[in-house]
C-alpha atoms as a PDB file:
ATOM      1  CA  UNK A   1       1.983   9.194  23.487  1.00  0.00           C
ATOM      2  CA  UNK A   2      -0.478  12.078  23.747  1.00  0.00           C
ATOM      3  CA  UNK A   3      -4.068  12.093  22.480  1.00  0.00           C
ATOM      4  CA  UNK A   4      -5.341  14.826  20.167  1.00  0.00           C
ATOM      5  CA  UNK A   5      -8.721  15.310  18.501  1.00  0.00           C
ATOM      6  CA  UNK A   6      -8.950  16.819  15.014  1.00  0.00           C
ATOM      7  CA  UNK A   7     -11.570  19.576  14.646  1.00  0.00           C
ATOM      8  CA  UNK A   8     -12.407  18.320  11.140  1.00  0.00           C
ATOM      9  CA  UNK A   9     -14.517  15.822  13.093  1.00  0.00           C
ATOM     10  CA  UNK A  10     -16.945  18.662  13.864  1.00  0.00           C
ATOM     11  CA  UNK A  11     -16.759  20.512  10.534  1.00  0.00           C
ATOM     12  CA  UNK A  12     -19.917  19.049   9.006  1.00  0.00           C
ATOM     13  CA  UNK A  13     -18.139  18.148   5.762  1.00  0.00           C
ATOM     14  CA  UNK A  14     -19.711  14.662   5.645  1.00  0.00           C
ATOM     15  CA  UNK A  15     -23.089  15.647   7.045  1.00  0.00           C
ATOM     16  CA  UNK A  16     -22.068  15.282  10.682  1.00  0.00           C
ATOM     17  CA  UNK A  17     -23.004  17.700  13.440  1.00  0.00           C
ATOM     18  CA  UNK A  18     -21.169  21.021  13.011  1.00  0.00           C
ATOM     19  CA  UNK A  19     -19.412  22.988  15.743  1.00  0.00           C
ATOM     20  CA  UNK A  20     -17.611  26.303  15.487  1.00  0.00           C
ATOM     21  CA  UNK A  21     -13.872  26.295  16.151  1.00  0.00           C
ATOM     22  CA  UNK A  22     -14.407  27.632  19.676  1.00  0.00           C
ATOM     23  CA  UNK A  23     -17.069  24.994  20.335  1.00  0.00           C
ATOM     24  CA  UNK A  24     -14.813  22.271  18.933  1.00  0.00           C
ATOM     25  CA  UNK A  25     -11.985  23.329  21.272  1.00  0.00           C
ATOM     26  CA  UNK A  26     -14.369  23.297  24.240  1.00  0.00           C
ATOM     27  CA  UNK A  27     -15.757  19.894  23.241  1.00  0.00           C
ATOM     28  CA  UNK A  28     -12.248  18.448  22.854  1.00  0.00           C
ATOM     29  CA  UNK A  29     -11.356  19.581  26.373  1.00  0.00           C
ATOM     30  CA  UNK A  30     -14.673  18.297  27.752  1.00  0.00           C
ATOM     31  CA  UNK A  31     -14.016  14.852  26.258  1.00  0.00           C
ATOM     32  CA  UNK A  32     -10.656  14.632  28.051  1.00  0.00           C
ATOM     33  CA  UNK A  33      -8.098  15.094  25.257  1.00  0.00           C
ATOM     34  CA  UNK A  34      -4.671  16.629  25.866  1.00  0.00           C
ATOM     35  CA  UNK A  35      -4.538  18.381  22.509  1.00  0.00           C
ATOM     36  CA  UNK A  36      -6.552  19.586  19.560  1.00  0.00           C
ATOM     37  CA  UNK A  37      -5.550  19.569  15.894  1.00  0.00           C
ATOM     38  CA  UNK A  38      -7.145  22.558  14.173  1.00  0.00           C
ATOM     39  CA  UNK A  39      -8.441  22.355  10.594  1.00  0.00           C
ATOM     40  CA  UNK A  40      -6.828  25.165   8.594  1.00  0.00           C
ATOM     41  CA  UNK A  41      -9.799  26.046   6.401  1.00  0.00           C
ATOM     42  CA  UNK A  42     -13.440  27.083   6.680  1.00  0.00           C
ATOM     43  CA  UNK A  43     -15.453  26.644   8.804  1.00  0.00           C
ATOM     44  CA  UNK A  44     -12.609  26.581  11.341  1.00  0.00           C
ATOM     45  CA  UNK A  45      -9.255  28.341  10.894  1.00  0.00           C
ATOM     46  CA  UNK A  46      -9.207  30.045   7.506  1.00  0.00           C
ATOM     47  CA  UNK A  47      -6.562  32.788   7.162  1.00  0.00           C
ATOM     48  CA  UNK A  48      -9.246  34.819   5.365  1.00  0.00           C
ATOM     49  CA  UNK A  49     -11.338  34.994   8.524  1.00  0.00           C
ATOM     50  CA  UNK A  50      -9.102  34.239  11.532  1.00  0.00           C
ATOM     51  CA  UNK A  51      -6.585  36.982  12.304  1.00  0.00           C
ATOM     52  CA  UNK A  52      -3.456  36.811  14.453  1.00  0.00           C
ATOM     53  CA  UNK A  53      -5.353  38.607  17.216  1.00  0.00           C
ATOM     54  CA  UNK A  54      -8.047  35.935  16.955  1.00  0.00           C
ATOM     55  CA  UNK A  55      -5.332  33.294  17.353  1.00  0.00           C
ATOM     56  CA  UNK A  56      -3.985  34.952  20.494  1.00  0.00           C
ATOM     57  CA  UNK A  57      -7.513  34.813  21.927  1.00  0.00           C
ATOM     58  CA  UNK A  58      -7.795  31.167  20.888  1.00  0.00           C
ATOM     59  CA  UNK A  59      -4.476  30.461  22.639  1.00  0.00           C
ATOM     60  CA  UNK A  60      -5.911  31.937  25.834  1.00  0.00           C
ATOM     61  CA  UNK A  61      -8.945  29.687  25.400  1.00  0.00           C
ATOM     62  CA  UNK A  62      -6.687  26.642  24.989  1.00  0.00           C
ATOM     63  CA  UNK A  63      -4.708  27.606  28.094  1.00  0.00           C
ATOM     64  CA  UNK A  64      -7.874  28.084  30.139  1.00  0.00           C
ATOM     65  CA  UNK A  65      -9.033  24.593  29.145  1.00  0.00           C
ATOM     66  CA  UNK A  66      -5.583  23.080  29.717  1.00  0.00           C
ATOM     67  CA  UNK A  67      -5.143  21.641  26.225  1.00  0.00           C
ATOM     68  CA  UNK A  68      -2.507  22.262  23.563  1.00  0.00           C
ATOM     69  CA  UNK A  69      -2.814  22.912  19.863  1.00  0.00           C
ATOM     70  CA  UNK A  70      -1.053  19.829  18.511  1.00  0.00           C
ATOM     71  CA  UNK A  71      -1.105  20.894  14.842  1.00  0.00           C
ATOM     72  CA  UNK A  72      -2.701  23.225  12.337  1.00  0.00           C
ATOM     73  CA  UNK A  73      -3.770  21.236   9.285  1.00  0.00           C
ATOM     74  CA  UNK A  74      -3.201  22.737   5.830  1.00  0.00           C
ATOM     75  CA  UNK A  75      -4.892  21.357   2.721  1.00  0.00           C
ATOM     76  CA  UNK A  76      -2.514  21.417  -0.230  1.00  0.00           C
ATOM     77  CA  UNK A  77      -2.124  19.886  -3.680  1.00  0.00           C
ATOM     78  CA  UNK A  78       0.947  21.349  -5.331  1.00  0.00           C
ATOM     79  CA  UNK A  79       0.233  19.937  -8.797  1.00  0.00           C
ATOM     80  CA  UNK A  80      -3.107  21.744  -8.867  1.00  0.00           C
ATOM     81  CA  UNK A  81      -3.363  24.176 -11.771  1.00  0.00           C
ATOM     82  CA  UNK A  82      -0.482  22.770 -13.826  1.00  0.00           C
ATOM     83  CA  UNK A  83      -2.802  22.922 -16.832  1.00  0.00           C
ATOM     84  CA  UNK A  84      -2.964  26.731 -16.410  1.00  0.00           C
ATOM     85  CA  UNK A  85       0.648  27.817 -16.094  1.00  0.00           C
ATOM     86  CA  UNK A  86      -0.277  31.503 -16.094  1.00  0.00           C
ATOM     87  CA  UNK A  87      -2.034  31.096 -12.710  1.00  0.00           C
ATOM     88  CA  UNK A  88       0.480  30.840  -9.812  1.00  0.00           C
ATOM     89  CA  UNK A  89      -1.469  28.248  -7.819  1.00  0.00           C
ATOM     90  CA  UNK A  90       1.666  26.747  -6.257  1.00  0.00           C
ATOM     91  CA  UNK A  91       2.660  30.217  -5.039  1.00  0.00           C
ATOM     92  CA  UNK A  92      -0.822  30.735  -3.603  1.00  0.00           C
ATOM     93  CA  UNK A  93      -0.573  27.495  -1.650  1.00  0.00           C
ATOM     94  CA  UNK A  94       2.881  28.375  -0.326  1.00  0.00           C
ATOM     95  CA  UNK A  95       1.491  31.726   0.840  1.00  0.00           C
ATOM     96  CA  UNK A  96      -1.431  29.873   2.472  1.00  0.00           C
ATOM     97  CA  UNK A  97       0.931  27.536   4.333  1.00  0.00           C
ATOM     98  CA  UNK A  98       2.999  30.523   5.488  1.00  0.00           C
ATOM     99  CA  UNK A  99      -0.124  32.248   6.818  1.00  0.00           C
ATOM    100  CA  UNK A 100      -1.033  29.093   8.733  1.00  0.00           C
ATOM    101  CA  UNK A 101       2.523  28.905  10.121  1.00  0.00           C
ATOM    102  CA  UNK A 102       2.178  32.503  11.277  1.00  0.00           C
ATOM    103  CA  UNK A 103      -1.057  31.576  13.060  1.00  0.00           C
ATOM    104  CA  UNK A 104       0.435  28.383  14.451  1.00  0.00           C
ATOM    105  CA  UNK A 105       3.123  30.463  16.150  1.00  0.00           C
ATOM    106  CA  UNK A 106       0.419  32.695  17.644  1.00  0.00           C
ATOM    107  CA  UNK A 107      -1.340  29.557  18.930  1.00  0.00           C
ATOM    108  CA  UNK A 108       1.917  28.272  20.467  1.00  0.00           C
ATOM    109  CA  UNK A 109       1.653  25.335  18.065  1.00  0.00           C
ATOM    110  CA  UNK A 110       4.877  23.838  16.637  1.00  0.00           C
ATOM    111  CA  UNK A 111       3.484  22.003  13.598  1.00  0.00           C
ATOM    112  CA  UNK A 112       1.659  22.645  10.322  1.00  0.00           C
ATOM    113  CA  UNK A 113       0.464  19.520   8.501  1.00  0.00           C
ATOM    114  CA  UNK A 114       0.525  19.520   4.690  1.00  0.00           C
ATOM    115  CA  UNK A 115      -0.261  17.101   1.866  1.00  0.00           C
ATOM    116  CA  UNK A 116       1.945  16.580  -1.201  1.00  0.00           C
ATOM    117  CA  UNK A 117       0.254  16.353  -4.630  1.00  0.00           C
ATOM    118  CA  UNK A 118      -2.267  14.372  -6.587  1.00  0.00           C
ATOM    119  CA  UNK A 119      -0.606  12.772  -9.595  1.00  0.00           C
ATOM    120  CA  UNK A 120      -1.868  13.990 -12.980  1.00  0.00           C
ATOM    121  CA  UNK A 121      -2.171  12.180 -16.306  1.00  0.00           C
ATOM    122  CA  UNK A 122      -1.648  15.306 -18.431  1.00  0.00           C
ATOM    123  CA  UNK A 123       1.782  16.376 -17.118  1.00  0.00           C
ATOM    124  CA  UNK A 124       5.067  14.384 -17.133  1.00  0.00           C
ATOM    125  CA  UNK A 125       5.720  12.812 -13.747  1.00  0.00           C
ATOM    126  CA  UNK A 126       9.133  14.387 -13.259  1.00  0.00           C
ATOM    127  CA  UNK A 127       7.666  17.877 -13.763  1.00  0.00           C
ATOM    128  CA  UNK A 128       5.071  17.147 -11.098  1.00  0.00           C
ATOM    129  CA  UNK A 129       7.743  15.756  -8.779  1.00  0.00           C
ATOM    130  CA  UNK A 130      10.033  18.767  -9.152  1.00  0.00           C
ATOM    131  CA  UNK A 131       7.194  21.219  -8.578  1.00  0.00           C
ATOM    132  CA  UNK A 132       6.145  19.367  -5.430  1.00  0.00           C
ATOM    133  CA  UNK A 133       9.685  19.178  -4.046  1.00  0.00           C
ATOM    134  CA  UNK A 134      10.334  22.890  -4.685  1.00  0.00           C
ATOM    135  CA  UNK A 135       6.999  23.945  -3.162  1.00  0.00           C
ATOM    136  CA  UNK A 136       7.523  21.944   0.032  1.00  0.00           C
ATOM    137  CA  UNK A 137      11.069  23.256   0.348  1.00  0.00           C
ATOM    138  CA  UNK A 138       9.737  26.802   0.256  1.00  0.00           C
ATOM    139  CA  UNK A 139       6.974  25.954   2.725  1.00  0.00           C
ATOM    140  CA  UNK A 140       9.618  24.651   5.127  1.00  0.00           C
ATOM    141  CA  UNK A 141      11.851  27.692   4.673  1.00  0.00           C
ATOM    142  CA  UNK A 142       8.999  30.113   5.302  1.00  0.00           C
ATOM    143  CA  UNK A 143       7.637  28.124   8.265  1.00  0.00           C
ATOM    144  CA  UNK A 144      11.102  28.139   9.842  1.00  0.00           C
ATOM    145  CA  UNK A 145      10.798  31.924  10.244  1.00  0.00           C
ATOM    146  CA  UNK A 146       8.049  31.191  12.794  1.00  0.00           C
ATOM    147  CA  UNK A 147       9.821  28.233  14.459  1.00  0.00           C
ATOM    148  CA  UNK A 148       7.254  25.906  12.920  1.00  0.00           C
ATOM    149  CA  UNK A 149       7.843  22.386  11.614  1.00  0.00           C
ATOM    150  CA  UNK A 150       6.138  21.103   8.467  1.00  0.00           C
ATOM    151  CA  UNK A 151       4.596  17.642   8.741  1.00  0.00           C
ATOM    152  CA  UNK A 152       4.111  15.724   5.486  1.00  0.00           C
ATOM    153  CA  UNK A 153       1.221  13.263   5.772  1.00  0.00           C
ATOM    154  CA  UNK A 154       1.164  10.133   3.594  1.00  0.00           C
ATOM    155  CA  UNK A 155      -2.204  11.010   2.100  1.00  0.00           C
ATOM    156  CA  UNK A 156      -1.963  12.234  -1.525  1.00  0.00           C
ATOM    157  CA  UNK A 157      -0.674  10.151  -4.441  1.00  0.00           C
ATOM    158  CA  UNK A 158       2.839  11.567  -4.645  1.00  0.00           C
ATOM    159  CA  UNK A 159       5.022  10.120  -1.922  1.00  0.00           C
ATOM    160  CA  UNK A 160       2.252   7.987  -0.424  1.00  0.00           C
ATOM    161  CA  UNK A 161       4.293   4.759  -0.557  1.00  0.00           C
ATOM    162  CA  UNK A 162       6.945   4.693   2.168  1.00  0.00           C
ATOM    163  CA  UNK A 163       9.806   4.263  -0.272  1.00  0.00           C
ATOM    164  CA  UNK A 164       8.624   7.308  -2.242  1.00  0.00           C
ATOM    165  CA  UNK A 165       7.995   9.276   0.931  1.00  0.00           C
ATOM    166  CA  UNK A 166      11.549   8.550   2.062  1.00  0.00           C
ATOM    167  CA  UNK A 167      12.880   9.771  -1.291  1.00  0.00           C
ATOM    168  CA  UNK A 168      10.743  12.896  -1.060  1.00  0.00           C
ATOM    169  CA  UNK A 169      12.088  13.684   2.422  1.00  0.00           C
ATOM    170  CA  UNK A 170      15.641  13.111   1.172  1.00  0.00           C
ATOM    171  CA  UNK A 171      15.271  15.441  -1.803  1.00  0.00           C
ATOM    172  CA  UNK A 172      13.436  18.172   0.120  1.00  0.00           C
ATOM    173  CA  UNK A 173      16.270  18.049   2.683  1.00  0.00           C
ATOM    174  CA  UNK A 174      14.956  20.452   5.304  1.00  0.00           C
ATOM    175  CA  UNK A 175      15.566  20.100   9.066  1.00  0.00           C
ATOM    176  CA  UNK A 176      12.055  21.279   9.935  1.00  0.00           C
ATOM    177  CA  UNK A 177      10.295  18.602   7.865  1.00  0.00           C
ATOM    178  CA  UNK A 178       8.930  15.412   9.446  1.00  0.00           C
ATOM    179  CA  UNK A 179       6.903  12.467   8.086  1.00  0.00           C
ATOM    180  CA  UNK A 180       3.383  11.940   9.426  1.00  0.00           C
ATOM    181  CA  UNK A 181       2.723   8.277   8.612  1.00  0.00           C
ATOM    182  CA  UNK A 182      -0.739   6.891   9.237  1.00  0.00           C
ATOM    183  CA  UNK A 183      -1.798   3.291   9.761  1.00  0.00           C
ATOM    184  CA  UNK A 184      -4.947   3.600   7.652  1.00  0.00           C
ATOM    185  CA  UNK A 185      -2.974   4.626   4.556  1.00  0.00           C
ATOM    186  CA  UNK A 186      -0.484   1.790   5.008  1.00  0.00           C
ATOM    187  CA  UNK A 187      -3.238  -0.774   5.561  1.00  0.00           C
ATOM    188  CA  UNK A 188      -5.552   0.287   2.731  1.00  0.00           C
ATOM    189  CA  UNK A 189      -2.659   0.143   0.260  1.00  0.00           C
ATOM    190  CA  UNK A 190      -1.339  -3.184   1.584  1.00  0.00           C
ATOM    191  CA  UNK A 191       2.055  -1.995   2.848  1.00  0.00           C
ATOM    192  CA  UNK A 192       4.001  -3.893   5.496  1.00  0.00           C
ATOM    193  CA  UNK A 193       3.341  -1.769   8.585  1.00  0.00           C
ATOM    194  CA  UNK A 194       6.295  -2.932  10.664  1.00  0.00           C
ATOM    195  CA  UNK A 195       8.703  -2.422   7.774  1.00  0.00           C
ATOM    196  CA  UNK A 196       7.318   1.057   7.052  1.00  0.00           C
ATOM    197  CA  UNK A 197       7.577   2.140  10.697  1.00  0.00           C
ATOM    198  CA  UNK A 198      11.096   0.755  11.041  1.00  0.00           C
ATOM    199  CA  UNK A 199      12.090   3.355   8.454  1.00  0.00           C
ATOM    200  CA  UNK A 200       9.805   6.243   9.419  1.00  0.00           C
ATOM    201  CA  UNK A 201       9.084   6.049  13.160  1.00  0.00           C
ATOM    202  CA  UNK A 202      12.443   7.482  14.325  1.00  0.00           C
ATOM    203  CA  UNK A 203      11.551  10.758  12.555  1.00  0.00           C
ATOM    204  CA  UNK A 204       7.856  10.841  13.434  1.00  0.00           C
ATOM    205  CA  UNK A 205       6.261  13.166  15.972  1.00  0.00           C
ATOM    206  CA  UNK A 206       2.618  12.870  14.916  1.00  0.00           C
ATOM    207  CA  UNK A 207       0.205  10.336  13.437  1.00  0.00           C
ATOM    208  CA  UNK A 208      -3.463  10.608  12.450  1.00  0.00           C
ATOM    209  CA  UNK A 209      -5.819   7.784  13.415  1.00  0.00           C
ATOM    210  CA  UNK A 210      -9.150   6.408  12.217  1.00  0.00           C
ATOM    211  CA  UNK A 211     -10.487   2.851  12.080  1.00  0.00           C
ATOM    212  CA  UNK A 212     -12.465   1.475   9.138  1.00  0.00           C
ATOM    213  CA  UNK A 213     -14.661  -1.353   7.977  1.00  0.00           C
ATOM    214  CA  UNK A 214     -13.458  -2.131   4.435  1.00  0.00           C
ATOM    215  CA  UNK A 215     -16.238  -3.656   2.328  1.00  0.00           C
ATOM    216  CA  UNK A 216     -15.880  -5.451  -0.986  1.00  0.00           C
ATOM    217  CA  UNK A 217     -18.083  -4.370  -3.907  1.00  0.00           C
ATOM    218  CA  UNK A 218     -19.418  -6.252  -6.936  1.00  0.00           C
ATOM    219  CA  UNK A 219     -21.439  -5.454 -10.065  1.00  0.00           C
ATOM    220  CA  UNK A 220     -24.237  -7.804 -11.085  1.00  0.00           C
ATOM    221  CA  UNK A 221     -24.004  -9.233 -14.640  1.00  0.00           C
ATOM    222  CA  UNK A 222     -27.568 -10.350 -15.613  1.00  0.00           C
ATOM    223  CA  UNK A 223     -26.436 -12.148 -18.803  1.00  0.00           C
ATOM    224  CA  UNK A 224     -24.098 -14.314 -16.739  1.00  0.00           C
ATOM    225  CA  UNK A 225     -26.289 -14.616 -13.658  1.00  0.00           C
ATOM    226  CA  UNK A 226     -23.163 -13.734 -11.756  1.00  0.00           C
ATOM    227  CA  UNK A 227     -21.092 -10.866 -10.368  1.00  0.00           C
ATOM    228  CA  UNK A 228     -17.944  -9.035 -11.432  1.00  0.00           C
ATOM    229  CA  UNK A 229     -15.787  -7.865  -8.512  1.00  0.00           C
ATOM    230  CA  UNK A 230     -15.460  -4.074  -8.304  1.00  0.00           C
ATOM    231  CA  UNK A 231     -12.283  -2.359  -7.130  1.00  0.00           C
ATOM    232  CA  UNK A 232     -11.439  -0.740  -4.865  1.00  0.00           C
ATOM    233  CA  UNK A 233     -13.544  -1.613  -1.797  1.00  0.00           C
ATOM    234  CA  UNK A 234     -15.464   1.080   0.070  1.00  0.00           C
ATOM    235  CA  UNK A 235     -14.412   2.072   3.604  1.00  0.00           C
ATOM    236  CA  UNK A 236     -16.714   3.277   6.380  1.00  0.00           C
ATOM    237  CA  UNK A 237     -15.308   4.758   9.579  1.00  0.00           C
ATOM    238  CA  UNK A 238     -15.965   2.634  12.660  1.00  0.00           C
ATOM    239  CA  UNK A 239     -15.203   3.163  16.355  1.00  0.00           C
ATOM    240  CA  UNK A 240     -11.620   2.350  17.328  1.00  0.00           C
ATOM    241  CA  UNK A 241     -11.261  -1.394  17.694  1.00  0.00           C
ATOM    242  CA  UNK A 242     -14.417  -2.114  15.695  1.00  0.00           C
ATOM    243  CA  UNK A 243     -12.762  -1.823  12.283  1.00  0.00           C
ATOM    244  CA  UNK A 244     -10.163  -4.032  10.685  1.00  0.00           C
ATOM    245  CA  UNK A 245      -7.006  -1.944  10.951  1.00  0.00           C
ATOM    246  CA  UNK A 246      -4.154  -3.534  12.980  1.00  0.00           C
ATOM    247  CA  UNK A 247      -3.682  -0.670  15.424  1.00  0.00           C
ATOM    248  CA  UNK A 248      -2.228  -2.764  18.234  1.00  0.00           C
ATOM    249  CA  UNK A 249       0.575  -3.786  15.896  1.00  0.00           C
ATOM    250  CA  UNK A 250       0.955  -0.172  14.762  1.00  0.00           C
ATOM    251  CA  UNK A 251       1.138   1.381  18.231  1.00  0.00           C
ATOM    252  CA  UNK A 252       3.382  -1.356  19.599  1.00  0.00           C
ATOM    253  CA  UNK A 253       5.777  -0.793  16.701  1.00  0.00           C
ATOM    254  CA  UNK A 254       5.728   2.969  17.351  1.00  0.00           C
ATOM    255  CA  UNK A 255       6.432   2.341  21.044  1.00  0.00           C
ATOM    256  CA  UNK A 256       9.334   0.035  20.222  1.00  0.00           C
ATOM    257  CA  UNK A 257      10.777   2.797  18.009  1.00  0.00           C
ATOM    258  CA  UNK A 258      10.605   5.303  20.865  1.00  0.00           C
ATOM    259  CA  UNK A 259       7.711   7.363  19.463  1.00  0.00           C
ATOM    260  CA  UNK A 260       6.287   9.702  22.113  1.00  0.00           C
ATOM    261  CA  UNK A 261       4.368  12.200  19.997  1.00  0.00           C
ATOM    262  CA  UNK A 262       0.784  13.112  19.198  1.00  0.00           C
ATOM    263  CA  UNK A 263      -1.830  10.571  18.138  1.00  0.00           C
ATOM    264  CA  UNK A 264      -4.672  12.577  16.593  1.00  0.00           C
ATOM    265  CA  UNK A 265      -8.094  11.009  16.154  1.00  0.00           C
ATOM    266  CA  UNK A 266     -10.214  12.139  13.224  1.00  0.00           C
ATOM    267  CA  UNK A 267     -13.753  11.519  12.045  1.00  0.00           C
ATOM    268  CA  UNK A 268     -12.970  12.606   8.519  1.00  0.00           C
ATOM    269  CA  UNK A 269     -15.323  10.470   6.427  1.00  0.00           C
ATOM    270  CA  UNK A 270     -18.840   9.021   6.713  1.00  0.00           C
ATOM    271  CA  UNK A 271     -19.323   7.153  10.013  1.00  0.00           C
ATOM    272  CA  UNK A 272     -21.179   3.853   9.865  1.00  0.00           C
ATOM    273  CA  UNK A 273     -23.382   5.000  12.808  1.00  0.00           C
ATOM    274  CA  UNK A 274     -24.235   8.448  11.437  1.00  0.00           C
ATOM    275  CA  UNK A 275     -23.103  11.959  12.280  1.00  0.00           C
ATOM    276  CA  UNK A 276     -25.207  13.100  15.254  1.00  0.00           C
ATOM    277  CA  UNK A 277     -23.301  14.851  18.044  1.00  0.00           C
ATOM    278  CA  UNK A 278     -23.825  11.998  20.516  1.00  0.00           C
ATOM    279  CA  UNK A 279     -22.320   9.589  17.943  1.00  0.00           C
ATOM    280  CA  UNK A 280     -19.274  11.839  17.464  1.00  0.00           C
ATOM    281  CA  UNK A 281     -18.841  12.026  21.228  1.00  0.00           C
ATOM    282  CA  UNK A 282     -19.136   8.248  21.584  1.00  0.00           C
ATOM    283  CA  UNK A 283     -16.528   7.642  18.884  1.00  0.00           C
ATOM    284  CA  UNK A 284     -14.181  10.203  20.464  1.00  0.00           C
ATOM    285  CA  UNK A 285     -14.500   8.605  23.923  1.00  0.00           C
ATOM    286  CA  UNK A 286     -14.056   5.117  22.481  1.00  0.00           C
ATOM    287  CA  UNK A 287     -10.752   6.253  20.996  1.00  0.00           C
ATOM    288  CA  UNK A 288      -9.472   7.399  24.401  1.00  0.00           C
ATOM    289  CA  UNK A 289     -10.529   4.092  25.987  1.00  0.00           C
ATOM    290  CA  UNK A 290      -8.813   2.119  23.224  1.00  0.00           C
ATOM    291  CA  UNK A 291      -5.603   4.137  23.582  1.00  0.00           C
ATOM    292  CA  UNK A 292      -5.156   3.665  27.355  1.00  0.00           C
ATOM    293  CA  UNK A 293      -2.338   1.087  27.025  1.00  0.00           C
ATOM    294  CA  UNK A 294      -0.204   3.578  25.049  1.00  0.00           C
ATOM    295  CA  UNK A 295      -1.100   6.992  26.471  1.00  0.00           C
END
């Protein structure tokens, strides 16, 4: 396995310390990672601001620091805008993914990560499903022109369960599409991790990692002098090994399946220790220490 750090960790989106893309690449190399996953939106790699020439310069920077670009991460939701059929929002997202694939090629990066769709209450499910399948098929076809693979992360509602993800992969039916299955999604939803990996690990080349403390909530009921449990629990990111996710089971199962791809660490939510740069660095180093048995 190879360790990657996701630049979203330094994007400031949850109040943490913010670094530019160049600074994030330098910091990733300084911390000792083999690869960097680049966030494909502002303030890092937005196609509106980062040209192909910029990407060639970034590739030189990566080479100088002896790290690889493990993935470029797109942010998609293909059911977005289905309440406004006159606006081609699916087409816009496909064009966005293609522009990131073009930049991935310039970065010598083989993979663009995408999400599927959030499920809507105002549109029949099968219409949402068909739109999502067709959009991802076109993303794959366009990415293939740049020798780029599309990685589908089990993040959004549609296809998040392993059985549904498997069906989505089957119906999309593209050779340059891979599943990106993450332990935290499986655990938070209560899936059987070993069973899920038995099905998905042979096709996987990439997984995204974060550990969490999952805390139960309750609402006080004064008239009853008691509490009503609140669902779902809240999760706070913790250093690797300090949360409750069964990562040893997860990585051992990946190893048994022959997985030898990227393991990308992200600080992509509020951290229980805050967002100062020294905290981000400590979490990133803790991840590398935790991963030594598998790297």
